[in-house]
């Protein structure tokens, strides 16, 4: 098993643990970025946990993501830059967590939009013969949001979960198929 694949799995585990702990502490937030403010206010200055989480998740995800992307073949490997752009955007989101702030909020919002678009574009280009993979990753949060009846109150959060889950599902499936 590739050490890069293990890093992707560590990234996915960090994603699951961070979100599980945040939901356990605060309930389902309006968005994942909202956890920065929740940790700042309710846990007295622990907003930096959001930044550390985003950095660790991105830094453990990017090497394996870029590697699997680069190995996809002649034409799909041209889209490797999308995985790097999306991963770098995650770093920007973590670096500028105060999305309610005028200046920092612009950086945060633009990085989040770039992250989502480039990640989802990569997902569907990389798995173009298996579109069911990113779609199934997107379906899981949608089902949970429906069951918990939190779609309206936490729509942003569920959209973020759909994008992240689609991307992790695609990366992990492509690694599994390449073995």
Protein backbone atom coordinates (compact mmCIF):
# COMPACT_ATOMS: atom_id res chain seq x y z
CA UNK A 1 0.00 0.00 0.00
CA UNK A 2 1.34 3.39 -1.01
CA UNK A 3 2.38 5.82 1.72
CA UNK A 4 0.59 8.53 -0.29
CA UNK A 5 -2.65 6.54 -0.09
CA UNK A 6 -2.14 6.24 3.67
CA UNK A 7 -1.80 10.04 3.85
CA UNK A 8 -5.11 10.44 1.99
CA UNK A 9 -6.72 8.03 4.48
CA UNK A 10 -5.25 10.06 7.37
CA UNK A 11 -6.71 13.19 5.80
CA UNK A 12 -10.13 11.54 5.52
CA UNK A 13 -9.89 10.36 9.13
CA UNK A 14 -9.00 13.92 10.27
CA UNK A 15 -12.03 15.19 8.33
CA UNK A 16 -14.34 12.66 10.01
CA UNK A 17 -12.93 13.23 13.51
CA UNK A 18 -12.98 17.05 13.30
CA UNK A 19 -16.55 17.14 12.05
CA UNK A 20 -17.72 14.52 14.54
CA UNK A 21 -16.18 16.38 17.48
CA UNK A 22 -17.56 19.73 16.27
CA UNK A 23 -21.06 18.28 15.84
CA UNK A 24 -20.78 16.62 19.26
CA UNK A 25 -19.79 19.95 20.83
CA UNK A 26 -22.08 22.37 18.98
CA UNK A 27 -24.61 20.42 16.93
CA UNK A 28 -24.66 20.70 13.15
CA UNK A 29 -23.19 24.11 12.33
CA UNK A 30 -24.32 26.51 9.61
CA UNK A 31 -21.04 25.76 7.79
CA UNK A 32 -17.78 24.01 8.54
CA UNK A 33 -16.13 27.44 8.75
CA UNK A 34 -18.63 28.42 11.45
CA UNK A 35 -16.81 26.00 13.77
CA UNK A 36 -13.98 28.56 13.93
CA UNK A 37 -16.34 31.05 15.58
CA UNK A 38 -17.98 28.38 17.74
CA UNK A 39 -14.59 27.27 19.09
CA UNK A 40 -13.57 30.90 19.60
CA UNK A 41 -16.71 31.86 21.51
CA UNK A 42 -17.87 28.72 23.30
CA UNK A 43 -14.48 27.15 23.94
CA UNK A 44 -12.70 30.40 24.80
CA UNK A 45 -10.20 31.03 22.03
CA UNK A 46 -9.85 27.59 20.47
CA UNK A 47 -10.69 28.80 16.95
CA UNK A 48 -7.14 27.97 15.94
CA UNK A 49 -8.26 24.30 15.93
CA UNK A 50 -10.11 25.02 12.67
CA UNK A 51 -6.92 26.42 11.11
CA UNK A 52 -4.80 23.48 12.27
CA UNK A 53 -7.44 21.02 11.05
CA UNK A 54 -7.62 22.62 7.59
CA UNK A 55 -3.84 22.71 7.25
CA UNK A 56 -3.37 19.13 8.40
CA UNK A 57 -6.18 17.86 6.22
CA UNK A 58 -4.83 19.67 3.14
CA UNK A 59 -1.19 18.76 3.74
CA UNK A 60 -1.98 15.08 4.18
CA UNK A 61 -4.38 15.08 1.23
CA UNK A 62 -2.48 17.01 -1.46
CA UNK A 63 0.48 14.63 -2.08
CA UNK A 64 -1.71 11.56 -2.63
CA UNK A 65 -4.33 13.53 -4.54
CA UNK A 66 -1.77 14.98 -6.93
CA UNK A 67 -0.07 11.58 -7.30
CA UNK A 68 -3.23 9.67 -8.20
CA UNK A 69 -4.31 12.51 -10.48
CA UNK A 70 -0.98 12.45 -12.30
CA UNK A 71 -1.24 8.68 -12.86
CA UNK A 72 -4.65 8.72 -14.55
CA UNK A 73 -3.40 8.57 -18.10
CA UNK A 74 -2.54 10.79 -20.99
CA UNK A 75 -5.41 13.25 -21.10
CA UNK A 76 -6.75 13.16 -17.54
CA UNK A 77 -3.32 13.85 -16.04
CA UNK A 78 -3.50 17.30 -17.66
CA UNK A 79 -6.06 18.13 -14.98
CA UNK A 80 -3.68 17.42 -12.09
CA UNK A 81 -3.48 21.17 -11.51
CA UNK A 82 -7.12 21.08 -10.31
CA UNK A 83 -6.17 18.85 -7.37
CA UNK A 84 -3.32 21.14 -6.42
CA UNK A 85 -5.48 24.28 -6.74
CA UNK A 86 -8.23 22.77 -4.62
CA UNK A 87 -5.78 21.58 -1.96
CA UNK A 88 -4.07 24.99 -1.87
CA UNK A 89 -7.50 26.61 -1.51
CA UNK A 90 -8.11 24.51 1.61
CA UNK A 91 -4.89 25.98 3.04
CA UNK A 92 -6.15 29.50 2.27
CA UNK A 93 -9.49 28.75 3.94
CA UNK A 94 -7.68 27.63 7.07
CA UNK A 95 -5.35 30.63 6.97
CA UNK A 96 -8.26 33.08 6.65
CA UNK A 97 -10.92 31.54 8.93
CA UNK A 98 -12.74 34.78 9.80
CA UNK A 99 -15.22 34.79 6.93
CA UNK A 100 -17.31 37.49 8.66
CA UNK A 101 -14.38 39.93 8.48
CA UNK A 102 -14.32 42.28 5.47
CA UNK A 103 -10.84 41.55 4.09
CA UNK A 104 -10.26 38.06 5.45
CA UNK A 105 -13.79 37.09 4.49
CA UNK A 106 -13.12 37.86 0.83
CA UNK A 107 -10.04 35.61 0.83
CA UNK A 108 -11.96 32.88 2.65
CA UNK A 109 -14.99 33.04 0.35
CA UNK A 110 -13.00 33.15 -2.88
CA UNK A 111 -10.82 30.25 -1.71
CA UNK A 112 -13.90 28.22 -0.77
CA UNK A 113 -15.51 28.79 -4.17
CA UNK A 114 -12.30 27.91 -6.03
CA UNK A 115 -11.88 24.84 -3.82
CA UNK A 116 -15.38 23.51 -4.49
CA UNK A 117 -15.35 24.17 -8.24
CA UNK A 118 -11.87 22.76 -8.86
CA UNK A 119 -12.44 19.72 -6.64
CA UNK A 120 -15.77 18.80 -8.21
CA UNK A 121 -14.41 19.41 -11.72
CA UNK A 122 -11.48 17.12 -10.89
CA UNK A 123 -13.85 14.48 -9.45
CA UNK A 124 -16.00 14.26 -12.56
CA UNK A 125 -13.10 14.51 -15.04
CA UNK A 126 -11.02 11.91 -13.20
CA UNK A 127 -13.90 9.49 -12.76
CA UNK A 128 -15.65 10.28 -16.03
CA UNK A 129 -16.41 6.59 -16.67
CA UNK A 130 -17.59 6.15 -13.08
CA UNK A 131 -19.60 9.28 -12.31
CA UNK A 132 -21.43 7.23 -9.71
CA UNK A 133 -18.37 7.51 -7.43
CA UNK A 134 -18.49 11.27 -6.73
CA UNK A 135 -22.29 11.17 -6.93
CA UNK A 136 -22.44 8.49 -4.23
CA UNK A 137 -20.07 10.59 -2.10
CA UNK A 138 -22.47 13.50 -2.53
CA UNK A 139 -25.52 11.36 -1.77
CA UNK A 140 -24.41 10.35 1.73
CA UNK A 141 -24.48 13.89 3.24
CA UNK A 142 -27.69 14.65 1.33
CA UNK A 143 -29.36 11.60 2.88
CA UNK A 144 -28.10 12.51 6.37
CA UNK A 145 -29.31 16.12 5.95
CA UNK A 146 -32.73 14.82 4.92
CA UNK A 147 -32.97 12.33 7.78
CA UNK A 148 -31.85 14.88 10.39
CA UNK A 149 -34.03 17.59 8.80
CA UNK A 150 -31.14 20.07 8.98
CA UNK A 151 -30.89 20.96 5.29
CA UNK A 152 -32.51 24.40 5.70
CA UNK A 153 -30.61 25.43 8.81
CA UNK A 154 -27.23 24.04 7.70
CA UNK A 155 -27.37 24.06 3.90
CA UNK A 156 -23.85 25.47 3.53
CA UNK A 157 -22.47 22.74 5.79
CA UNK A 158 -24.17 19.98 3.81
CA UNK A 159 -22.96 21.39 0.50
CA UNK A 160 -19.41 21.42 1.89
CA UNK A 161 -19.82 17.84 3.09
CA UNK A 162 -21.09 16.83 -0.35
CA UNK A 163 -18.02 18.34 -2.07
CA UNK A 164 -15.54 16.86 0.41
CA UNK A 165 -17.19 13.43 0.43
CA UNK A 166 -17.32 13.34 -3.38
CA UNK A 167 -13.62 14.17 -3.52
CA UNK A 168 -12.53 11.67 -0.88
CA UNK A 169 -14.69 8.98 -2.51
CA UNK A 170 -13.11 9.68 -5.89
CA UNK A 171 -9.51 9.75 -4.64
CA UNK A 172 -9.89 6.60 -2.55
CA UNK A 173 -11.71 4.70 -5.31
CA UNK A 174 -9.09 5.63 -7.90
CA UNK A 175 -6.34 4.48 -5.54
CA UNK A 176 -8.19 1.20 -4.92
CA UNK A 177 -8.56 0.60 -8.65
CA UNK A 178 -4.90 1.36 -9.32
CA UNK A 179 -3.65 -1.38 -6.97
